[in-house]
Amino acid sequence: MNFKQLLVALGILALLAGCTSRPIVNVTDQPVVTAAGKQLTADQVRSAIVSAGNASGWVMTSVSPGLISGRFVSVDHVAVVDVRYTEQMYSITYKDSTNLNYKGAQIHKAYNAWVETLDRDIRNELLRM
């Protein structure tokens, strides 16, 4: 392989390696919606978030009223999020990670999939209330 081919091959590898990074997905001010349309208490919202997170593999820990810390571990990858909530809404935001190639506003695409699953599971749990 000549030098030009080597540079092209390295460029392709670098491009492919970069394809695993995506902008961080944060869920902001997601409305609390129930199937019956009833108003929930903050404690009921907290319970739904914890149940949904635990069911989808997250370890959910209440930090203070209105704040839950979520931790997801997959082999040697770790994602940590803050879930802030009220009676009317909740938000999921990036807090920390290990081995997910975090660089400013970019992270491994698996992180986003985990957060999107958590968000979907929270919405589904709220609908059951």
N, C-alpha and C. Protein backbone atom coordinates (compact mmCIF):
# COMPACT_ATOMS: atom_id res chain seq x y z
N MET A 1 0.85 -1.16 0.00
CA MET A 1 0.00 0.00 0.00
C MET A 1 0.90 1.23 0.00
N ASN A 2 0.61 2.13 -0.94
CA ASN A 2 1.43 3.34 -0.99
C ASN A 2 0.93 4.38 0.02
N PHE A 3 1.67 5.45 0.13
CA PHE A 3 1.38 6.46 1.14
C PHE A 3 0.00 7.09 0.94
N LYS A 4 -0.38 7.35 -0.30
CA LYS A 4 -1.68 7.97 -0.58
C LYS A 4 -2.81 7.03 -0.17
N GLN A 5 -2.68 5.75 -0.47
CA GLN A 5 -3.71 4.78 -0.09
C GLN A 5 -3.81 4.66 1.43
N LEU A 6 -2.67 4.71 2.08
CA LEU A 6 -2.66 4.65 3.54
C LEU A 6 -3.38 5.85 4.14
N LEU A 7 -3.13 7.04 3.61
CA LEU A 7 -3.82 8.23 4.09
C LEU A 7 -5.33 8.14 3.87
N VAL A 8 -5.74 7.65 2.72
CA VAL A 8 -7.17 7.49 2.43
C VAL A 8 -7.78 6.50 3.40
N ALA A 9 -7.11 5.38 3.63
CA ALA A 9 -7.63 4.36 4.55
C ALA A 9 -7.73 4.92 5.97
N LEU A 10 -6.72 5.65 6.41
CA LEU A 10 -6.77 6.26 7.74
C LEU A 10 -7.89 7.30 7.83
N GLY A 11 -8.10 8.04 6.78
CA GLY A 11 -9.18 9.03 6.76
C GLY A 11 -10.54 8.37 6.87
N ILE A 12 -10.73 7.27 6.17
CA ILE A 12 -11.99 6.53 6.23
C ILE A 12 -12.21 5.96 7.63
N LEU A 13 -11.15 5.41 8.21
CA LEU A 13 -11.26 4.88 9.58
C LEU A 13 -11.62 5.98 10.58
N ALA A 14 -11.01 7.14 10.42
CA ALA A 14 -11.30 8.26 11.32
C ALA A 14 -12.75 8.71 11.15
N LEU A 15 -13.22 8.74 9.92
CA LEU A 15 -14.61 9.12 9.65
C LEU A 15 -15.58 8.12 10.26
N LEU A 16 -15.29 6.84 10.10
CA LEU A 16 -16.15 5.81 10.67
C LEU A 16 -16.14 5.85 12.19
N ALA A 17 -15.00 6.10 12.77
CA ALA A 17 -14.91 6.18 14.23
C ALA A 17 -15.72 7.36 14.75
N GLY A 18 -15.73 8.44 14.01
CA GLY A 18 -16.50 9.61 14.40
C GLY A 18 -17.99 9.43 14.27
N CYS A 19 -18.43 8.44 13.51
CA CYS A 19 -19.85 8.20 13.30
C CYS A 19 -20.55 7.69 14.55
N THR A 20 -19.80 7.25 15.54
CA THR A 20 -20.45 6.76 16.75
C THR A 20 -20.80 7.89 17.70
N SER A 21 -20.27 9.09 17.46
CA SER A 21 -20.58 10.23 18.33
C SER A 21 -21.76 11.01 17.77
N ARG A 22 -22.61 11.46 18.69
CA ARG A 22 -23.78 12.24 18.33
C ARG A 22 -23.93 13.38 19.34
N PRO A 23 -24.69 14.41 18.97
CA PRO A 23 -25.01 15.43 19.96
C PRO A 23 -25.78 14.81 21.13
N ILE A 24 -25.50 15.26 22.33
CA ILE A 24 -26.17 14.73 23.52
C ILE A 24 -27.66 15.05 23.46
N VAL A 25 -28.48 14.04 23.71
CA VAL A 25 -29.93 14.21 23.80
C VAL A 25 -30.30 14.50 25.25
N ASN A 26 -30.90 15.64 25.48
CA ASN A 26 -31.50 15.97 26.77
C ASN A 26 -33.00 16.09 26.54
N VAL A 27 -33.77 15.61 27.48
CA VAL A 27 -35.23 15.73 27.42
C VAL A 27 -35.58 16.93 28.30
N THR A 28 -36.20 17.94 27.71
CA THR A 28 -36.46 19.17 28.43
C THR A 28 -37.96 19.44 28.55
N ASP A 29 -38.41 19.60 29.79
CA ASP A 29 -39.79 19.99 30.09
C ASP A 29 -40.82 19.10 29.39
N GLN A 30 -40.61 17.79 29.50
CA GLN A 30 -41.58 16.83 28.97
C GLN A 30 -42.83 16.90 29.85
N PRO A 31 -44.03 17.13 29.28
CA PRO A 31 -45.22 17.23 30.12
C PRO A 31 -45.60 15.90 30.76
N VAL A 32 -46.11 15.98 31.99
CA VAL A 32 -46.62 14.81 32.69
C VAL A 32 -48.05 14.59 32.19
N VAL A 33 -48.26 13.47 31.50
CA VAL A 33 -49.56 13.16 30.91
C VAL A 33 -50.00 11.79 31.38
N THR A 34 -51.24 11.72 31.88
CA THR A 34 -51.82 10.43 32.28
C THR A 34 -52.95 10.09 31.33
N ALA A 35 -53.30 8.81 31.24
CA ALA A 35 -54.37 8.38 30.35
C ALA A 35 -55.70 9.01 30.74
N ALA A 36 -55.95 9.13 32.05
CA ALA A 36 -57.21 9.69 32.54
C ALA A 36 -57.17 11.22 32.57
N GLY A 37 -56.02 11.81 32.31
CA GLY A 37 -55.89 13.26 32.34
C GLY A 37 -55.89 13.84 33.74
N LYS A 38 -55.65 13.01 34.73
CA LYS A 38 -55.68 13.52 36.11
C LYS A 38 -54.34 14.14 36.48
N GLN A 39 -54.41 15.07 37.43
CA GLN A 39 -53.23 15.73 37.95
C GLN A 39 -52.55 14.81 38.98
N LEU A 40 -51.26 14.59 38.83
CA LEU A 40 -50.51 13.76 39.78
C LEU A 40 -49.80 14.64 40.80
N THR A 41 -49.50 14.07 41.93
CA THR A 41 -48.66 14.75 42.91
C THR A 41 -47.20 14.58 42.50
N ALA A 42 -46.34 15.39 43.07
CA ALA A 42 -44.91 15.25 42.80
C ALA A 42 -44.42 13.87 43.22
N ASP A 43 -44.96 13.35 44.32
CA ASP A 43 -44.56 12.02 44.78
C ASP A 43 -44.97 10.93 43.80
N GLN A 44 -46.14 11.07 43.18
CA GLN A 44 -46.58 10.10 42.18
C GLN A 44 -45.70 10.18 40.93
N VAL A 45 -45.31 11.38 40.54
CA VAL A 45 -44.41 11.55 39.39
C VAL A 45 -43.06 10.90 39.70
N ARG A 46 -42.54 11.16 40.91
CA ARG A 46 -41.27 10.55 41.32
C ARG A 46 -41.37 9.03 41.27
N SER A 47 -42.44 8.49 41.79
CA SER A 47 -42.64 7.04 41.80
C SER A 47 -42.66 6.47 40.38
N ALA A 48 -43.34 7.15 39.48
CA ALA A 48 -43.41 6.69 38.08
C ALA A 48 -42.02 6.73 37.42
N ILE A 49 -41.26 7.78 37.68
CA ILE A 49 -39.91 7.90 37.11
C ILE A 49 -39.00 6.80 37.64
N VAL A 50 -39.04 6.57 38.94
CA VAL A 50 -38.20 5.54 39.55
C VAL A 50 -38.59 4.16 39.03
N SER A 51 -39.89 3.87 38.97
CA SER A 51 -40.34 2.56 38.47
C SER A 51 -39.93 2.34 37.02
N ALA A 52 -40.14 3.36 36.19
CA ALA A 52 -39.78 3.24 34.78
C ALA A 52 -38.28 3.05 34.60
N GLY A 53 -37.50 3.84 35.33
CA GLY A 53 -36.05 3.72 35.22
C GLY A 53 -35.55 2.36 35.66
N ASN A 54 -36.01 1.91 36.81
CA ASN A 54 -35.58 0.59 37.31
C ASN A 54 -35.97 -0.52 36.34
N ALA A 55 -37.16 -0.43 35.76
CA ALA A 55 -37.62 -1.46 34.82
C ALA A 55 -36.77 -1.50 33.55
N SER A 56 -36.17 -0.37 33.17
CA SER A 56 -35.36 -0.35 31.95
C SER A 56 -33.87 -0.42 32.22
N GLY A 57 -33.49 -0.84 33.44
CA GLY A 57 -32.08 -1.09 33.73
C GLY A 57 -31.33 0.05 34.38
N TRP A 58 -31.98 1.14 34.68
CA TRP A 58 -31.34 2.26 35.36
C TRP A 58 -31.44 2.05 36.87
N VAL A 59 -30.45 2.52 37.60
CA VAL A 59 -30.54 2.57 39.06
C VAL A 59 -30.93 4.01 39.38
N MET A 60 -32.13 4.17 39.92
CA MET A 60 -32.68 5.49 40.18
C MET A 60 -32.60 5.78 41.67
N THR A 61 -32.02 6.92 42.02
CA THR A 61 -31.84 7.31 43.41
C THR A 61 -32.41 8.70 43.63
N SER A 62 -33.36 8.81 44.57
CA SER A 62 -33.90 10.13 44.92
C SER A 62 -32.82 10.93 45.64
N VAL A 63 -32.52 12.11 45.13
CA VAL A 63 -31.49 12.97 45.70
C VAL A 63 -32.13 13.99 46.63
N SER A 64 -33.18 14.60 46.16
CA SER A 64 -33.92 15.60 46.93
C SER A 64 -35.29 15.74 46.27
N PRO A 65 -36.23 16.44 46.93
CA PRO A 65 -37.52 16.63 46.27
C PRO A 65 -37.32 17.29 44.90
N GLY A 66 -37.86 16.66 43.87
CA GLY A 66 -37.73 17.20 42.52
C GLY A 66 -36.50 16.77 41.77
N LEU A 67 -35.66 15.92 42.35
CA LEU A 67 -34.43 15.50 41.67
C LEU A 67 -34.12 14.03 41.94
N ILE A 68 -33.93 13.29 40.85
CA ILE A 68 -33.55 11.88 40.89
C ILE A 68 -32.26 11.75 40.08
N SER A 69 -31.34 10.95 40.59
CA SER A 69 -30.13 10.61 39.84
C SER A 69 -30.33 9.24 39.22
N GLY A 70 -30.06 9.12 37.93
CA GLY A 70 -30.17 7.84 37.24
C GLY A 70 -28.81 7.39 36.76
N ARG A 71 -28.52 6.11 36.95
CA ARG A 71 -27.22 5.55 36.55
C ARG A 71 -27.48 4.28 35.74
N PHE A 72 -26.91 4.22 34.53
CA PHE A 72 -27.05 3.05 33.66
C PHE A 72 -25.67 2.49 33.38
N VAL A 73 -25.51 1.18 33.58
CA VAL A 73 -24.22 0.52 33.35
C VAL A 73 -24.41 -0.56 32.29
N SER A 74 -23.56 -0.53 31.27
CA SER A 74 -23.55 -1.55 30.23
C SER A 74 -22.10 -1.96 30.01
N VAL A 75 -21.76 -3.14 30.51
CA VAL A 75 -20.39 -3.67 30.47
C VAL A 75 -19.46 -2.66 31.15
N ASP A 76 -18.61 -1.96 30.37
CA ASP A 76 -17.71 -0.98 30.98
C ASP A 76 -18.11 0.46 30.64
N HIS A 77 -19.36 0.65 30.21
CA HIS A 77 -19.89 1.98 29.90
C HIS A 77 -20.86 2.39 31.00
N VAL A 78 -20.76 3.65 31.43
CA VAL A 78 -21.64 4.16 32.48
C VAL A 78 -22.19 5.51 32.03
N ALA A 79 -23.50 5.67 32.20
CA ALA A 79 -24.15 6.96 31.95
C ALA A 79 -24.86 7.39 33.22
N VAL A 80 -24.73 8.67 33.56
CA VAL A 80 -25.40 9.24 34.73
C VAL A 80 -26.19 10.45 34.27
N VAL A 81 -27.47 10.49 34.68
CA VAL A 81 -28.34 11.61 34.32
C VAL A 81 -29.00 12.18 35.57
N ASP A 82 -29.41 13.43 35.47
CA ASP A 82 -30.27 14.04 36.47
C ASP A 82 -31.68 14.06 35.88
N VAL A 83 -32.65 13.64 36.68
CA VAL A 83 -34.04 13.74 36.26
C VAL A 83 -34.72 14.71 37.23
N ARG A 84 -35.07 15.87 36.74
CA ARG A 84 -35.76 16.88 37.53
C ARG A 84 -37.25 16.78 37.19
N TYR A 85 -38.10 16.93 38.20
CA TYR A 85 -39.53 16.75 37.96
C TYR A 85 -40.36 17.65 38.87
N THR A 86 -41.57 17.93 38.38
CA THR A 86 -42.61 18.60 39.15
C THR A 86 -43.90 17.84 38.87
N GLU A 87 -45.00 18.36 39.34
CA GLU A 87 -46.30 17.75 39.06
C GLU A 87 -46.67 17.87 37.58
N GLN A 88 -46.09 18.85 36.90
CA GLN A 88 -46.46 19.13 35.51
C GLN A 88 -45.47 18.65 34.46
N MET A 89 -44.20 18.45 34.83
CA MET A 89 -43.20 18.12 33.81
C MET A 89 -41.98 17.43 34.42
N TYR A 90 -41.14 16.90 33.51
CA TYR A 90 -39.86 16.33 33.93
C TYR A 90 -38.83 16.58 32.84
N SER A 91 -37.57 16.57 33.23
CA SER A 91 -36.46 16.75 32.30
C SER A 91 -35.37 15.73 32.63
N ILE A 92 -34.70 15.25 31.60
CA ILE A 92 -33.58 14.31 31.76
C ILE A 92 -32.35 14.99 31.15
N THR A 93 -31.32 15.21 31.97
CA THR A 93 -30.13 15.88 31.46
C THR A 93 -28.86 15.10 31.79
N TYR A 94 -27.92 15.18 30.89
CA TYR A 94 -26.62 14.53 31.06
C TYR A 94 -25.92 15.07 32.31
N LYS A 95 -25.35 14.16 33.09
CA LYS A 95 -24.55 14.58 34.24
C LYS A 95 -23.11 14.10 34.12
N ASP A 96 -22.91 12.81 33.77
CA ASP A 96 -21.56 12.25 33.73
C ASP A 96 -21.59 10.96 32.92
N SER A 97 -20.42 10.48 32.55
CA SER A 97 -20.32 9.21 31.85
C SER A 97 -18.90 8.66 31.94
N THR A 98 -18.79 7.37 31.68
CA THR A 98 -17.50 6.69 31.62
C THR A 98 -17.45 5.86 30.34
N ASN A 99 -16.39 6.00 29.58
CA ASN A 99 -16.16 5.24 28.35
C ASN A 99 -17.23 5.44 27.29
N LEU A 100 -17.80 6.64 27.23
CA LEU A 100 -18.80 6.95 26.20
C LEU A 100 -18.33 8.08 25.29
N ASN A 101 -17.03 8.34 25.27
CA ASN A 101 -16.43 9.32 24.37
C ASN A 101 -17.06 10.71 24.49
N TYR A 102 -17.38 11.11 25.71
CA TYR A 102 -17.97 12.43 25.93
C TYR A 102 -16.97 13.51 25.57
N LYS A 103 -17.41 14.43 24.70
CA LYS A 103 -16.57 15.57 24.30
C LYS A 103 -17.49 16.77 24.14
N GLY A 104 -17.63 17.55 25.21
CA GLY A 104 -18.46 18.75 25.14
C GLY A 104 -19.92 18.43 24.94
N ALA A 105 -20.40 18.64 23.74
CA ALA A 105 -21.81 18.38 23.43
C ALA A 105 -22.00 17.06 22.68
N GLN A 106 -20.94 16.27 22.53
CA GLN A 106 -20.99 15.01 21.78
C GLN A 106 -20.78 13.83 22.71
N ILE A 107 -21.41 12.70 22.37
CA ILE A 107 -21.28 11.48 23.16
C ILE A 107 -21.58 10.28 22.27
N HIS A 108 -21.18 9.11 22.71
CA HIS A 108 -21.46 7.88 21.97
C HIS A 108 -22.97 7.74 21.76
N LYS A 109 -23.36 7.29 20.58
CA LYS A 109 -24.79 7.21 20.24
C LYS A 109 -25.57 6.28 21.17
N ALA A 110 -24.92 5.33 21.83
CA ALA A 110 -25.62 4.44 22.75
C ALA A 110 -26.23 5.22 23.91
N TYR A 111 -25.55 6.27 24.36
CA TYR A 111 -26.09 7.09 25.45
C TYR A 111 -27.47 7.63 25.07
N ASN A 112 -27.56 8.18 23.87
CA ASN A 112 -28.84 8.75 23.43
C ASN A 112 -29.93 7.69 23.37
N ALA A 113 -29.59 6.51 22.93
CA ALA A 113 -30.57 5.42 22.87
C ALA A 113 -31.06 5.08 24.28
N TRP A 114 -30.16 5.05 25.25
CA TRP A 114 -30.55 4.75 26.62
C TRP A 114 -31.47 5.83 27.18
N VAL A 115 -31.15 7.09 26.91
CA VAL A 115 -31.97 8.20 27.40
C VAL A 115 -33.33 8.21 26.70
N GLU A 116 -33.36 7.95 25.42
CA GLU A 116 -34.63 7.90 24.69
C GLU A 116 -35.51 6.76 25.21
N THR A 117 -34.91 5.63 25.55
CA THR A 117 -35.66 4.52 26.13
C THR A 117 -36.19 4.90 27.50
N LEU A 118 -35.37 5.53 28.32
CA LEU A 118 -35.81 5.98 29.64
C LEU A 118 -36.99 6.95 29.50
N ASP A 119 -36.89 7.89 28.61
CA ASP A 119 -37.97 8.86 28.39
C ASP A 119 -39.25 8.14 27.96
N ARG A 120 -39.16 7.24 27.02
CA ARG A 120 -40.34 6.49 26.56
C ARG A 120 -40.96 5.70 27.71
N ASP A 121 -40.11 5.04 28.50
CA ASP A 121 -40.62 4.24 29.62
C ASP A 121 -41.27 5.11 30.69
N ILE A 122 -40.74 6.29 30.94
CA ILE A 122 -41.36 7.21 31.90
C ILE A 122 -42.73 7.64 31.38
N ARG A 123 -42.81 8.03 30.09
CA ARG A 123 -44.09 8.44 29.52
C ARG A 123 -45.12 7.31 29.63
N ASN A 124 -44.69 6.09 29.33
CA ASN A 124 -45.61 4.94 29.41
C ASN A 124 -46.06 4.69 30.85
N GLU A 125 -45.15 4.82 31.80
CA GLU A 125 -45.50 4.61 33.21
C GLU A 125 -46.49 5.69 33.67
N LEU A 126 -46.28 6.91 33.25
CA LEU A 126 -47.21 7.99 33.61
C LEU A 126 -48.59 7.74 33.01
N LEU A 127 -48.63 7.22 31.80
CA LEU A 127 -49.92 6.93 31.16
C LEU A 127 -50.71 5.87 31.92
N ARG A 128 -50.03 4.98 32.61
CA ARG A 128 -50.70 3.93 33.37
C ARG A 128 -51.32 4.46 34.67
N MET A 129 -50.98 5.66 35.05
CA MET A 129 -51.45 6.19 36.34
C MET A 129 -52.80 6.88 36.20
